[in-house]
């Protein structure tokens, strides 16, 4: 999702900067385009960094004896966290 948003921001910024030839007195469309391209690049870099994070898995195994029956009880807990 974030990589797609970053590419979209880069594309809109490039259109504003390079493709439009409109002069507006209130805002500078070239500057807005450059800002959008920079923001898109930052979003793409953050998205790639989040994709490459390693996943950590914790598995806990416990063996108990049931006092009523005297049988062994195996319990396994798994925790998948990012």
N, C-alpha and C. Protein backbone atom coordinates (compact mmCIF):
# COMPACT_ATOMS: atom_id res chain seq x y z
N UNK A 1 0.82 -1.19 0.00
CA UNK A 1 0.00 0.00 0.00
C UNK A 1 0.87 1.25 0.00
N UNK A 2 1.89 1.29 0.84
CA UNK A 2 2.70 2.50 0.94
C UNK A 2 3.57 2.69 -0.30
N UNK A 3 4.02 1.60 -0.90
CA UNK A 3 4.84 1.73 -2.11
C UNK A 3 3.98 2.27 -3.25
N UNK A 4 2.75 1.80 -3.35
CA UNK A 4 1.83 2.30 -4.38
C UNK A 4 1.51 3.77 -4.17
N UNK A 5 1.30 4.18 -2.92
CA UNK A 5 1.05 5.58 -2.63
C UNK A 5 2.26 6.44 -2.99
N UNK A 6 3.45 5.95 -2.69
CA UNK A 6 4.66 6.69 -3.04
C UNK A 6 4.82 6.87 -4.54
N UNK A 7 4.54 5.81 -5.29
CA UNK A 7 4.63 5.90 -6.76
C UNK A 7 3.59 6.87 -7.29
N UNK A 8 2.39 6.85 -6.70
CA UNK A 8 1.34 7.79 -7.11
C UNK A 8 1.77 9.23 -6.85
N UNK A 9 2.35 9.49 -5.68
CA UNK A 9 2.80 10.85 -5.36
C UNK A 9 3.91 11.29 -6.30
N UNK A 10 4.82 10.39 -6.63
CA UNK A 10 5.90 10.73 -7.57
C UNK A 10 5.33 11.05 -8.93
N UNK A 11 4.35 10.27 -9.39
CA UNK A 11 3.75 10.51 -10.70
C UNK A 11 3.00 11.84 -10.74
N UNK A 12 2.22 12.15 -9.73
CA UNK A 12 1.50 13.43 -9.69
C UNK A 12 2.49 14.59 -9.62
N UNK A 13 3.53 14.44 -8.84
CA UNK A 13 4.55 15.49 -8.74
C UNK A 13 5.27 15.71 -10.05
N UNK A 14 5.57 14.63 -10.77
CA UNK A 14 6.24 14.75 -12.07
C UNK A 14 5.32 15.42 -13.09
N UNK A 15 4.05 15.11 -13.04
CA UNK A 15 3.11 15.76 -13.95
C UNK A 15 3.03 17.25 -13.66
N UNK A 16 2.95 17.62 -12.38
CA UNK A 16 2.88 19.04 -12.03
C UNK A 16 4.16 19.77 -12.41
N UNK A 17 5.31 19.11 -12.26
CA UNK A 17 6.57 19.78 -12.51
C UNK A 17 6.91 19.85 -14.00
N UNK A 18 6.79 18.73 -14.70
CA UNK A 18 7.33 18.67 -16.06
C UNK A 18 6.28 18.77 -17.16
N UNK A 19 5.05 18.35 -16.90
CA UNK A 19 4.07 18.28 -17.98
C UNK A 19 3.17 19.51 -18.06
N UNK A 20 2.87 20.12 -16.94
CA UNK A 20 1.98 21.28 -16.97
C UNK A 20 2.77 22.54 -17.27
N UNK A 21 2.19 23.36 -18.11
CA UNK A 21 2.80 24.63 -18.47
C UNK A 21 1.84 25.76 -18.13
N UNK A 22 1.34 25.74 -16.89
CA UNK A 22 0.33 26.70 -16.45
C UNK A 22 0.98 27.65 -15.45
N UNK A 23 0.68 28.92 -15.59
CA UNK A 23 1.21 29.92 -14.67
C UNK A 23 0.09 30.37 -13.74
N UNK A 24 0.28 30.13 -12.45
CA UNK A 24 -0.70 30.52 -11.44
C UNK A 24 -0.01 31.48 -10.50
N UNK A 25 -0.66 32.62 -10.21
CA UNK A 25 -0.04 33.63 -9.35
C UNK A 25 -0.03 33.23 -7.88
N UNK A 26 -0.99 32.44 -7.46
CA UNK A 26 -1.14 32.14 -6.04
C UNK A 26 -0.12 31.10 -5.58
N UNK A 27 0.10 30.03 -6.36
CA UNK A 27 1.00 28.97 -5.97
C UNK A 27 1.98 28.67 -7.09
N UNK A 28 3.11 28.11 -6.73
CA UNK A 28 4.11 27.68 -7.69
C UNK A 28 3.94 26.18 -7.90
N UNK A 29 3.38 25.78 -9.04
CA UNK A 29 3.09 24.37 -9.29
C UNK A 29 4.36 23.54 -9.44
N UNK A 30 5.44 24.16 -9.92
CA UNK A 30 6.70 23.43 -10.00
C UNK A 30 7.20 23.03 -8.61
N UNK A 31 7.13 23.94 -7.67
CA UNK A 31 7.57 23.65 -6.30
C UNK A 31 6.69 22.59 -5.66
N UNK A 32 5.39 22.67 -5.86
CA UNK A 32 4.48 21.65 -5.31
C UNK A 32 4.80 20.29 -5.92
N UNK A 33 5.11 20.26 -7.21
CA UNK A 33 5.48 19.01 -7.86
C UNK A 33 6.74 18.41 -7.27
N UNK A 34 7.75 19.25 -7.04
CA UNK A 34 9.00 18.75 -6.44
C UNK A 34 8.76 18.23 -5.02
N UNK A 35 7.91 18.93 -4.27
CA UNK A 35 7.60 18.50 -2.91
C UNK A 35 6.88 17.15 -2.93
N UNK A 36 5.93 16.98 -3.86
CA UNK A 36 5.22 15.71 -3.96
C UNK A 36 6.15 14.58 -4.39
N UNK A 37 7.07 14.85 -5.28
CA UNK A 37 8.02 13.81 -5.68
C UNK A 37 8.93 13.43 -4.51
N UNK A 38 9.37 14.41 -3.73
CA UNK A 38 10.19 14.10 -2.54
C UNK A 38 9.43 13.31 -1.50
N UNK A 39 8.18 13.70 -1.27
CA UNK A 39 7.35 12.95 -0.31
C UNK A 39 7.10 11.53 -0.80
N UNK A 40 6.87 11.37 -2.09
CA UNK A 40 6.68 10.04 -2.65
C UNK A 40 7.91 9.18 -2.49
N UNK A 41 9.08 9.75 -2.70
CA UNK A 41 10.32 9.01 -2.52
C UNK A 41 10.49 8.56 -1.07
N UNK A 42 10.18 9.44 -0.13
CA UNK A 42 10.27 9.09 1.29
C UNK A 42 9.30 7.96 1.63
N UNK A 43 8.07 8.03 1.09
CA UNK A 43 7.08 6.99 1.36
C UNK A 43 7.52 5.64 0.78
N UNK A 44 8.11 5.65 -0.42
CA UNK A 44 8.60 4.41 -1.02
C UNK A 44 9.73 3.82 -0.18
N UNK A 45 10.65 4.64 0.28
CA UNK A 45 11.77 4.15 1.09
C UNK A 45 11.26 3.57 2.41
N UNK A 46 10.30 4.22 3.05
CA UNK A 46 9.74 3.70 4.29
C UNK A 46 9.00 2.39 4.03
N UNK A 47 8.27 2.31 2.92
CA UNK A 47 7.56 1.08 2.59
C UNK A 47 8.50 -0.09 2.36
N UNK A 48 9.61 0.16 1.68
CA UNK A 48 10.60 -0.91 1.44
C UNK A 48 11.25 -1.31 2.76
N UNK A 49 11.53 -0.34 3.62
CA UNK A 49 12.14 -0.65 4.92
C UNK A 49 11.20 -1.50 5.77
N UNK A 50 9.90 -1.22 5.72
CA UNK A 50 8.95 -2.01 6.49
C UNK A 50 8.78 -3.41 5.92
N UNK A 51 8.95 -3.57 4.62
CA UNK A 51 8.84 -4.89 4.02
C UNK A 51 10.03 -5.79 4.35
N UNK A 52 11.18 -5.19 4.54
CA UNK A 52 12.39 -5.99 4.76
C UNK A 52 12.66 -6.28 6.23
N UNK A 53 11.79 -5.81 7.13
CA UNK A 53 12.00 -6.12 8.54
C UNK A 53 11.87 -7.61 8.77
N UNK A 54 12.66 -8.12 9.69
CA UNK A 54 12.60 -9.53 10.00
C UNK A 54 11.46 -9.79 10.98
N UNK A 55 10.85 -10.92 10.80
CA UNK A 55 9.75 -11.33 11.66
C UNK A 55 10.32 -12.19 12.79
N UNK A 56 9.84 -11.96 14.00
CA UNK A 56 10.32 -12.69 15.15
C UNK A 56 9.23 -13.64 15.63
N UNK A 57 9.57 -14.88 15.84
CA UNK A 57 8.63 -15.90 16.31
C UNK A 57 9.13 -16.46 17.63
N UNK A 58 8.23 -16.51 18.60
CA UNK A 58 8.57 -17.07 19.90
C UNK A 58 7.66 -18.27 20.13
N UNK A 59 8.25 -19.43 20.37
CA UNK A 59 7.48 -20.65 20.65
C UNK A 59 7.87 -21.15 22.03
N UNK A 60 6.87 -21.38 22.88
CA UNK A 60 7.10 -21.86 24.23
C UNK A 60 6.41 -23.20 24.39
N UNK A 61 7.16 -24.19 24.84
CA UNK A 61 6.62 -25.54 25.04
C UNK A 61 6.75 -25.90 26.51
N UNK A 62 5.65 -26.46 27.06
CA UNK A 62 5.65 -26.79 28.48
C UNK A 62 5.03 -28.18 28.66
N UNK A 63 5.63 -28.98 29.52
CA UNK A 63 5.12 -30.32 29.83
C UNK A 63 4.74 -30.35 31.31
N UNK A 64 3.48 -30.69 31.60
CA UNK A 64 3.00 -30.79 32.98
C UNK A 64 2.41 -32.18 33.20
N UNK A 65 2.25 -32.51 34.46
CA UNK A 65 1.59 -33.76 34.84
C UNK A 65 0.26 -33.41 35.49
N UNK A 66 -0.81 -33.99 34.95
CA UNK A 66 -2.14 -33.76 35.50
C UNK A 66 -2.25 -34.50 36.83
N UNK A 67 -2.52 -33.78 37.93
CA UNK A 67 -2.55 -34.45 39.24
C UNK A 67 -3.71 -35.43 39.39
N UNK A 68 -4.80 -35.21 38.69
CA UNK A 68 -5.96 -36.09 38.86
C UNK A 68 -5.74 -37.44 38.18
N UNK A 69 -5.19 -37.41 36.97
CA UNK A 69 -5.05 -38.66 36.21
C UNK A 69 -3.61 -39.17 36.19
N UNK A 70 -2.65 -38.31 36.44
CA UNK A 70 -1.25 -38.71 36.41
C UNK A 70 -0.68 -38.76 35.00
N UNK A 71 -1.42 -38.23 34.03
CA UNK A 71 -0.93 -38.24 32.65
C UNK A 71 -0.19 -36.94 32.34
N UNK A 72 0.64 -37.01 31.32
CA UNK A 72 1.42 -35.83 30.91
C UNK A 72 0.58 -34.97 29.98
N UNK A 73 0.71 -33.64 30.15
CA UNK A 73 0.00 -32.67 29.32
C UNK A 73 1.03 -31.80 28.64
N UNK A 74 1.04 -31.80 27.32
CA UNK A 74 1.96 -30.94 26.55
C UNK A 74 1.21 -29.68 26.12
N UNK A 75 1.80 -28.53 26.40
CA UNK A 75 1.21 -27.25 26.02
C UNK A 75 2.22 -26.49 25.18
N UNK A 76 1.80 -26.01 24.02
CA UNK A 76 2.67 -25.23 23.15
C UNK A 76 1.99 -23.91 22.85
N UNK A 77 2.71 -22.80 23.10
CA UNK A 77 2.19 -21.47 22.81
C UNK A 77 3.09 -20.85 21.76
N UNK A 78 2.49 -20.15 20.79
CA UNK A 78 3.25 -19.51 19.72
C UNK A 78 2.84 -18.05 19.64
N UNK A 79 3.84 -17.17 19.54
CA UNK A 79 3.59 -15.74 19.47
C UNK A 79 4.35 -15.19 18.26
N UNK A 80 3.62 -14.79 17.23
CA UNK A 80 4.22 -14.18 16.04
C UNK A 80 4.08 -12.68 16.15
N UNK A 81 5.18 -12.02 16.38
CA UNK A 81 5.16 -10.55 16.46
C UNK A 81 6.09 -9.99 15.42
N UNK A 82 5.80 -8.78 15.02
CA UNK A 82 6.66 -8.09 14.05
C UNK A 82 7.75 -7.36 14.75
